Amino acid sequence: MISAILLVIITIFLPPVGVFLIAGCGADLLINILLTCLGYFPGHIHAFYLEYVYFKRRDDMAAGIASAPAQGVYSDRVQNGGAAPGYGTMH
């Protein structure tokens, strides 16, 4: 719970840092940096959307609920709620 609150506080001030913490360095981070440069609020909307998907998927995975991939999310880490895909098996 504390980590979620801290992540929201970080995202309020610097949206790309919040995205980096949940998605890592990838397409989602690049999109968020561009959106933040174009306008501070689009960067916030994108960052909070990614955080919502991340925490929702994490809770769904803990409950054993499978769901379809979220639209506009390119990070496997966000799509899986932070869980490793395949539990170490090769795809």
C-alpha atoms as a PDB file:
ATOM      1  CA  MET A   1       0.000   0.000   0.000  1.00  0.00           C
ATOM      2  CA  ILE A   2       2.797   2.407   0.849  1.00  0.00           C
ATOM      3  CA  SER A   3       4.522   1.699  -2.449  1.00  0.00           C
ATOM      4  CA  ALA A   4       1.364   2.623  -4.383  1.00  0.00           C
ATOM      5  CA  ILE A   5       0.998   5.908  -2.500  1.00  0.00           C
ATOM      6  CA  LEU A   6       4.671   6.750  -3.008  1.00  0.00           C
ATOM      7  CA  LEU A   7       4.383   5.915  -6.703  1.00  0.00           C
ATOM      8  CA  VAL A   8       1.378   8.236  -7.093  1.00  0.00           C
ATOM      9  CA  ILE A   9       3.242  11.068  -5.347  1.00  0.00           C
ATOM     10  CA  ILE A  10       6.257  10.586  -7.618  1.00  0.00           C
ATOM     11  CA  THR A  11       3.990  10.506 -10.683  1.00  0.00           C
ATOM     12  CA  ILE A  12       2.299  13.760  -9.694  1.00  0.00           C
ATOM     13  CA  PHE A  13       5.625  15.579  -9.879  1.00  0.00           C
ATOM     14  CA  LEU A  14       7.410  13.635 -12.650  1.00  0.00           C
ATOM     15  CA  PRO A  15       5.167  11.339 -14.723  1.00  0.00           C
ATOM     16  CA  PRO A  16       8.028   9.692 -16.693  1.00  0.00           C
ATOM     17  CA  VAL A  17       9.728   8.613 -13.455  1.00  0.00           C
ATOM     18  CA  GLY A  18       6.536   6.900 -12.313  1.00  0.00           C
ATOM     19  CA  VAL A  19       6.249   5.122 -15.658  1.00  0.00           C
ATOM     20  CA  PHE A  20       9.892   4.059 -15.486  1.00  0.00           C
ATOM     21  CA  LEU A  21       9.356   2.542 -12.042  1.00  0.00           C
ATOM     22  CA  ILE A  22       6.508   0.299 -13.200  1.00  0.00           C
ATOM     23  CA  ALA A  23       7.279  -0.300 -16.890  1.00  0.00           C
ATOM     24  CA  GLY A  24      11.051   0.033 -17.130  1.00  0.00           C
ATOM     25  CA  CYS A  25      12.839   1.507 -20.109  1.00  0.00           C
ATOM     26  CA  GLY A  26      10.800   0.850 -23.218  1.00  0.00           C
ATOM     27  CA  ALA A  27       8.078   2.096 -25.514  1.00  0.00           C
ATOM     28  CA  ASP A  28       5.760   3.144 -22.675  1.00  0.00           C
ATOM     29  CA  LEU A  29       8.472   5.360 -21.179  1.00  0.00           C
ATOM     30  CA  LEU A  30       9.240   6.964 -24.538  1.00  0.00           C
ATOM     31  CA  ILE A  31       5.552   7.641 -25.177  1.00  0.00           C
ATOM     32  CA  ASN A  32       5.182   9.164 -21.728  1.00  0.00           C
ATOM     33  CA  ILE A  33       8.217  11.412 -22.161  1.00  0.00           C
ATOM     34  CA  LEU A  34       6.838  12.669 -25.476  1.00  0.00           C
ATOM     35  CA  LEU A  35       3.377  13.241 -24.001  1.00  0.00           C
ATOM     36  CA  THR A  36       4.849  15.081 -21.031  1.00  0.00           C
ATOM     37  CA  CYS A  37       6.876  17.316 -23.359  1.00  0.00           C
ATOM     38  CA  LEU A  38       3.795  18.043 -25.463  1.00  0.00           C
ATOM     39  CA  GLY A  39       1.714  18.845 -22.419  1.00  0.00           C
ATOM     40  CA  TYR A  40       2.050  18.119 -18.754  1.00  0.00           C
ATOM     41  CA  PHE A  41      -1.509  16.763 -18.380  1.00  0.00           C
ATOM     42  CA  PRO A  42      -1.357  14.212 -21.245  1.00  0.00           C
ATOM     43  CA  GLY A  43       1.754  12.795 -19.584  1.00  0.00           C
ATOM     44  CA  HIS A  44      -0.143  12.521 -16.305  1.00  0.00           C
ATOM     45  CA  ILE A  45      -3.126  10.812 -17.912  1.00  0.00           C
ATOM     46  CA  HIS A  46      -0.879   8.251 -19.611  1.00  0.00           C
ATOM     47  CA  ALA A  47       1.160   7.608 -16.455  1.00  0.00           C
ATOM     48  CA  PHE A  48      -1.884   7.154 -14.243  1.00  0.00           C
ATOM     49  CA  TYR A  49      -3.471   4.856 -16.843  1.00  0.00           C
ATOM     50  CA  LEU A  50      -0.372   2.645 -16.839  1.00  0.00           C
ATOM     51  CA  GLU A  51      -0.337   2.592 -13.052  1.00  0.00           C
ATOM     52  CA  TYR A  52      -4.025   1.683 -12.964  1.00  0.00           C
ATOM     53  CA  VAL A  53      -3.477  -1.203 -15.385  1.00  0.00           C
ATOM     54  CA  TYR A  54      -0.396  -2.364 -13.451  1.00  0.00           C
ATOM     55  CA  PHE A  55      -2.112  -2.462 -10.050  1.00  0.00           C
ATOM     56  CA  LYS A  56      -5.354  -3.888 -11.466  1.00  0.00           C
ATOM     57  CA  ARG A  57      -3.447  -6.697 -13.194  1.00  0.00           C
ATOM     58  CA  ARG A  58      -1.424  -7.362 -10.045  1.00  0.00           C
ATOM     59  CA  ASP A  59      -4.619  -7.757  -8.020  1.00  0.00           C
ATOM     60  CA  ASP A  60      -6.235  -9.893 -10.737  1.00  0.00           C
ATOM     61  CA  MET A  61      -3.190 -12.180 -10.891  1.00  0.00           C
ATOM     62  CA  ALA A  62      -3.310 -12.624  -7.101  1.00  0.00           C
ATOM     63  CA  ALA A  63      -7.000 -13.553  -7.363  1.00  0.00           C
ATOM     64  CA  GLY A  64      -6.370 -15.920 -10.285  1.00  0.00           C
ATOM     65  CA  ILE A  65      -8.357 -13.866 -12.791  1.00  0.00           C
ATOM     66  CA  ALA A  66      -7.100 -13.830 -16.374  1.00  0.00           C
ATOM     67  CA  SER A  67      -7.883 -10.832 -18.583  1.00  0.00           C
ATOM     68  CA  ALA A  68      -7.299  -9.664 -22.130  1.00  0.00           C
ATOM     69  CA  PRO A  69      -4.310  -7.403 -22.860  1.00  0.00           C
ATOM     70  CA  ALA A  70      -4.893  -3.719 -22.084  1.00  0.00           C
ATOM     71  CA  GLN A  71      -5.042  -1.381 -25.055  1.00  0.00           C
ATOM     72  CA  GLY A  72      -2.121   1.017 -25.485  1.00  0.00           C
ATOM     73  CA  VAL A  73       0.186  -0.755 -23.027  1.00  0.00           C
ATOM     74  CA  TYR A  74       3.402  -2.062 -24.582  1.00  0.00           C
ATOM     75  CA  SER A  75       5.247  -3.273 -21.476  1.00  0.00           C
ATOM     76  CA  ASP A  76       4.901  -6.946 -20.574  1.00  0.00           C
ATOM     77  CA  ARG A  77       5.643  -6.027 -16.963  1.00  0.00           C
ATOM     78  CA  VAL A  78       2.571  -3.772 -16.830  1.00  0.00           C
ATOM     79  CA  GLN A  79       0.407  -6.261 -18.748  1.00  0.00           C
ATOM     80  CA  ASN A  80       1.322  -9.010 -16.246  1.00  0.00           C
ATOM     81  CA  GLY A  81       1.050  -6.882 -13.115  1.00  0.00           C
ATOM     82  CA  GLY A  82       4.748  -7.205 -12.375  1.00  0.00           C
ATOM     83  CA  ALA A  83       4.744 -10.997 -12.551  1.00  0.00           C
ATOM     84  CA  ALA A  84       7.332 -12.718 -14.689  1.00  0.00           C
ATOM     85  CA  PRO A  85       5.712 -14.110 -17.841  1.00  0.00           C
ATOM     86  CA  GLY A  86       5.873 -17.886 -17.992  1.00  0.00           C
ATOM     87  CA  TYR A  87       7.644 -18.202 -14.613  1.00  0.00           C
ATOM     88  CA  GLY A  88      11.084 -18.570 -16.176  1.00  0.00           C
ATOM     89  CA  THR A  89      10.132 -20.804 -19.070  1.00  0.00           C
ATOM     90  CA  MET A  90      11.161 -19.930 -22.607  1.00  0.00           C
ATOM     91  CA  HIS A  91       8.517 -18.728 -25.041  1.00  0.00           C
END
